[in-house]
C-alpha atoms as a PDB file:
ATOM      1  CA  MET A   1      95.115 120.902  86.306  1.00  0.00           C
ATOM      2  CA  GLU A   2      97.703 118.880  84.297  1.00  0.00           C
ATOM      3  CA  LYS A   3      99.166 114.948  85.599  1.00  0.00           C
ATOM      4  CA  ILE A   4     102.409 114.257  84.932  1.00  0.00           C
ATOM      5  CA  ARG A   5     101.901 111.662  82.999  1.00  0.00           C
ATOM      6  CA  ASP A   6     100.886 114.644  80.466  1.00  0.00           C
ATOM      7  CA  ILE A   7     104.035 116.939  81.717  1.00  0.00           C
ATOM      8  CA  MET A   8     107.104 114.000  81.756  1.00  0.00           C
ATOM      9  CA  THR A   9     109.964 113.305  79.988  1.00  0.00           C
ATOM     10  CA  ASP A  10     109.619 109.695  79.589  1.00  0.00           C
ATOM     11  CA  ASP A  11     112.533 108.783  77.364  1.00  0.00           C
ATOM     12  CA  ILE A  12     114.876 108.950  80.021  1.00  0.00           C
ATOM     13  CA  GLU A  13     118.628 107.010  79.700  1.00  0.00           C
ATOM     14  CA  CYS A  14     119.273 105.280  82.809  1.00  0.00           C
ATOM     15  CA  CYS A  15     122.191 102.933  84.330  1.00  0.00           C
ATOM     16  CA  THR A  16     122.499 100.408  86.300  1.00  0.00           C
ATOM     17  CA  LEU A  17     124.074  98.871  89.621  1.00  0.00           C
ATOM     18  CA  LEU A  18     126.669  97.529  87.622  1.00  0.00           C
ATOM     19  CA  ASP A  19     127.882 100.646  85.750  1.00  0.00           C
ATOM     20  CA  ASN A  20     130.664 102.919  87.416  1.00  0.00           C
ATOM     21  CA  VAL A  21     130.524 106.591  88.008  1.00  0.00           C
ATOM     22  CA  TYR A  22     132.860 107.026  84.694  1.00  0.00           C
ATOM     23  CA  GLU A  23     130.190 105.291  82.598  1.00  0.00           C
ATOM     24  CA  VAL A  24     127.153 107.698  84.225  1.00  0.00           C
ATOM     25  CA  ALA A  25     129.568 110.777  83.746  1.00  0.00           C
ATOM     26  CA  VAL A  26     129.889 109.799  80.164  1.00  0.00           C
ATOM     27  CA  LYS A  27     126.061 109.230  79.428  1.00  0.00           C
ATOM     28  CA  MET A  28     125.541 112.806  80.933  1.00  0.00           C
ATOM     29  CA  LYS A  29     127.597 114.445  78.787  1.00  0.00           C
ATOM     30  CA  GLU A  30     126.516 112.157  75.809  1.00  0.00           C
ATOM     31  CA  TYR A  31     122.585 112.938  76.954  1.00  0.00           C
ATOM     32  CA  ASN A  32     123.687 116.535  77.961  1.00  0.00           C
ATOM     33  CA  VAL A  33     121.389 115.753  81.065  1.00  0.00           C
ATOM     34  CA  GLY A  34     122.648 116.431  84.969  1.00  0.00           C
ATOM     35  CA  ALA A  35     121.340 113.417  86.503  1.00  0.00           C
ATOM     36  CA  ILE A  36     121.034 109.716  85.752  1.00  0.00           C
ATOM     37  CA  PRO A  37     118.616 107.484  87.119  1.00  0.00           C
ATOM     38  CA  ILE A  38     119.779 104.041  88.301  1.00  0.00           C
ATOM     39  CA  VAL A  39     117.722 101.269  88.282  1.00  0.00           C
ATOM     40  CA  ASP A  40     117.652  97.179  88.604  1.00  0.00           C
ATOM     41  CA  ASN A  41     115.496  95.548  86.956  1.00  0.00           C
ATOM     42  CA  GLU A  42     113.564  98.709  85.867  1.00  0.00           C
ATOM     43  CA  ARG A  43     113.123  99.464  89.651  1.00  0.00           C
ATOM     44  CA  LEU A  44     114.383 102.652  90.564  1.00  0.00           C
ATOM     45  CA  VAL A  45     117.208 102.530  93.453  1.00  0.00           C
ATOM     46  CA  GLY A  46     119.122 105.346  92.989  1.00  0.00           C
ATOM     47  CA  MET A  47     120.199 108.779  91.127  1.00  0.00           C
ATOM     48  CA  ILE A  48     123.277 110.277  90.764  1.00  0.00           C
ATOM     49  CA  THR A  49     123.851 113.798  89.562  1.00  0.00           C
ATOM     50  CA  ASP A  50     126.458 115.787  88.535  1.00  0.00           C
ATOM     51  CA  ARG A  51     126.989 117.480  91.866  1.00  0.00           C
ATOM     52  CA  ASP A  52     127.045 113.722  93.493  1.00  0.00           C
ATOM     53  CA  ILE A  53     129.907 112.886  90.872  1.00  0.00           C
ATOM     54  CA  VAL A  54     132.007 115.900  92.209  1.00  0.00           C
ATOM     55  CA  ILE A  55     130.799 115.678  96.003  1.00  0.00           C
ATOM     56  CA  ARG A  56     130.880 111.923  96.962  1.00  0.00           C
ATOM     57  CA  GLY A  57     133.316 111.121  93.560  1.00  0.00           C
ATOM     58  CA  VAL A  58     135.812 113.655  92.704  1.00  0.00           C
ATOM     59  CA  ALA A  59     136.677 115.456  96.053  1.00  0.00           C
ATOM     60  CA  GLU A  60     136.215 112.307  98.189  1.00  0.00           C
ATOM     61  CA  LYS A  61     139.080 110.938  95.743  1.00  0.00           C
ATOM     62  CA  ASN A  62     137.049 108.137  94.543  1.00  0.00           C
ATOM     63  CA  PRO A  63     138.405 106.964  90.771  1.00  0.00           C
ATOM     64  CA  GLY A  64     136.096 106.952  87.970  1.00  0.00           C
ATOM     65  CA  SER A  65     135.995 103.366  88.272  1.00  0.00           C
ATOM     66  CA  THR A  66     134.130 103.587  91.429  1.00  0.00           C
ATOM     67  CA  LYS A  67     130.635 101.718  91.572  1.00  0.00           C
ATOM     68  CA  VAL A  68     127.914 104.009  91.301  1.00  0.00           C
ATOM     69  CA  GLU A  69     126.152 102.177  94.337  1.00  0.00           C
ATOM     70  CA  LYS A  70     129.091 104.131  96.290  1.00  0.00           C
ATOM     71  CA  VAL A  71     128.151 108.142  95.113  1.00  0.00           C
ATOM     72  CA  MET A  72     124.491 107.690  94.399  1.00  0.00           C
ATOM     73  CA  SER A  73     121.779 109.055  96.325  1.00  0.00           C
ATOM     74  CA  ASP A  74     119.346 106.618  97.863  1.00  0.00           C
ATOM     75  CA  LYS A  75     116.954 108.319  99.428  1.00  0.00           C
ATOM     76  CA  LEU A  76     114.366 109.273  96.684  1.00  0.00           C
ATOM     77  CA  ILE A  77     111.644 111.721  96.255  1.00  0.00           C
ATOM     78  CA  THR A  78     109.185 110.379  93.529  1.00  0.00           C
ATOM     79  CA  ILE A  79     105.670 111.140  92.148  1.00  0.00           C
ATOM     80  CA  SER A  80     103.185 109.011  91.034  1.00  0.00           C
ATOM     81  CA  PRO A  81     101.866 109.786  86.955  1.00  0.00           C
ATOM     82  CA  GLU A  82      98.542 110.803  88.060  1.00  0.00           C
ATOM     83  CA  ALA A  83     100.003 113.478  90.479  1.00  0.00           C
ATOM     84  CA  THR A  84      98.918 117.088  89.473  1.00  0.00           C
ATOM     85  CA  SER A  85     101.806 119.481  88.431  1.00  0.00           C
ATOM     86  CA  ARG A  86     100.256 121.212  91.836  1.00  0.00           C
ATOM     87  CA  GLU A  87     101.624 118.280  93.858  1.00  0.00           C
ATOM     88  CA  ALA A  88     104.801 117.973  91.941  1.00  0.00           C
ATOM     89  CA  ILE A  89     106.042 121.647  92.562  1.00  0.00           C
ATOM     90  CA  LYS A  90     104.838 121.363  96.425  1.00  0.00           C
ATOM     91  CA  LEU A  91     107.360 118.422  96.338  1.00  0.00           C
ATOM     92  CA  MET A  92     110.179 119.565  94.602  1.00  0.00           C
ATOM     93  CA  SER A  93     110.053 123.287  96.666  1.00  0.00           C
ATOM     94  CA  GLU A  94     109.671 121.310 100.134  1.00  0.00           C
ATOM     95  CA  HIS A  95     113.005 119.097  99.234  1.00  0.00           C
ATOM     96  CA  GLN A  96     114.414 122.245  97.110  1.00  0.00           C
ATOM     97  CA  ILE A  97     115.066 119.534  94.257  1.00  0.00           C
ATOM     98  CA  ARG A  98     114.750 120.539  90.305  1.00  0.00           C
ATOM     99  CA  ARG A  99     113.698 117.164  88.856  1.00  0.00           C
ATOM    100  CA  ILE A 100     111.704 114.058  90.312  1.00  0.00           C
ATOM    101  CA  PRO A 101     111.436 110.550  88.858  1.00  0.00           C
ATOM    102  CA  VAL A 102     108.035 109.268  88.192  1.00  0.00           C
ATOM    103  CA  VAL A 103     107.698 105.483  89.583  1.00  0.00           C
ATOM    104  CA  GLU A 104     104.447 103.612  88.436  1.00  0.00           C
ATOM    105  CA  ASP A 105     104.240  99.905  90.546  1.00  0.00           C
ATOM    106  CA  GLY A 106     107.756 100.669  91.897  1.00  0.00           C
ATOM    107  CA  LYS A 107     109.141 100.942  88.347  1.00  0.00           C
ATOM    108  CA  LEU A 108     111.023 104.228  86.577  1.00  0.00           C
ATOM    109  CA  ILE A 109     108.122 105.579  83.497  1.00  0.00           C
ATOM    110  CA  GLY A 110     110.007 108.603  83.504  1.00  0.00           C
ATOM    111  CA  MET A 111     110.856 111.977  84.945  1.00  0.00           C
ATOM    112  CA  VAL A 112     109.712 115.551  85.470  1.00  0.00           C
ATOM    113  CA  SER A 113     111.785 118.361  86.117  1.00  0.00           C
ATOM    114  CA  LEU A 114     111.323 122.149  86.591  1.00  0.00           C
ATOM    115  CA  GLY A 115     112.402 122.452  82.997  1.00  0.00           C
ATOM    116  CA  ASP A 116     109.318 120.478  81.661  1.00  0.00           C
ATOM    117  CA  PHE A 117     107.339 123.232  83.644  1.00  0.00           C
ATOM    118  CA  ALA A 118     108.772 126.176  82.350  1.00  0.00           C
ATOM    119  CA  ILE A 119     108.272 125.179  78.917  1.00  0.00           C
ATOM    120  CA  ARG A 120     104.052 124.510  79.198  1.00  0.00           C
ATOM    121  CA  GLU A 121     102.425 127.726  78.884  1.00  0.00           C
ATOM    122  CA  LEU A 122      99.566 126.672  81.510  1.00  0.00           C
ATOM    123  CA  THR A 123     102.312 126.020  84.223  1.00  0.00           C
ATOM    124  CA  ASP A 124     104.361 128.734  83.704  1.00  0.00           C
ATOM    125  CA  ASP A 125     103.454 130.675  86.849  1.00  0.00           C
ATOM    126  CA  GLN A 126     103.864 127.494  88.385  1.00  0.00           C
ATOM    127  CA  ALA A 127     107.614 127.103  87.630  1.00  0.00           C
ATOM    128  CA  LYS A 128     108.344 130.471  88.507  1.00  0.00           C
ATOM    129  CA  GLU A 129     106.789 130.157  91.851  1.00  0.00           C
ATOM    130  CA  ALA A 130     109.125 126.720  92.349  1.00  0.00           C
ATOM    131  CA  LEU A 131     111.706 127.860  90.949  1.00  0.00           C
ATOM    132  CA  THR A 132     111.695 130.922  93.499  1.00  0.00           C
ATOM    133  CA  GLN A 133     110.963 128.369  96.311  1.00  0.00           C
ATOM    134  CA  ILE A 134     113.937 126.030  95.320  1.00  0.00           C
ATOM    135  CA  SER A 135     116.876 128.530  95.416  1.00  0.00           C
ATOM    136  CA  GLU A 136     115.687 129.448  98.593  1.00  0.00           C
ATOM    137  CA  HIS A 137     118.661 129.201 101.167  1.00  0.00           C
ATOM    138  CA  HIS A 138     116.796 127.156 104.215  1.00  0.00           C
ATOM    139  CA  ILE A 139     118.557 127.779 107.133  1.00  0.00           C
END
């Protein structure tokens, strides 16, 4: 079973609490990503997704100059780099999320996403299983 350290993306773009929503959106566009971690001295403090910008930003009529703290999610699901791919899939399925920040000693060191599993042959079935479970609507 592969470790998250072997699967994760470790070259991730972040923003800080000093940034605003507009700056996060520009970074999402520039790097073609749907989520940006928010860090404070390398410590993960939040995450902003494109959906957060729409729901908590635009739909609530917050301007682009709004501080990230007002729009970011701060209740985060994280995983250790030593966890297995199976553990990550389980977390993604349970919480219906498509990406998980990888944290070691409180510091953000990477990100693992459903796409990371999909491109690896060894975890192909796990990716299919996770996508099915993540996409299910729980009522």
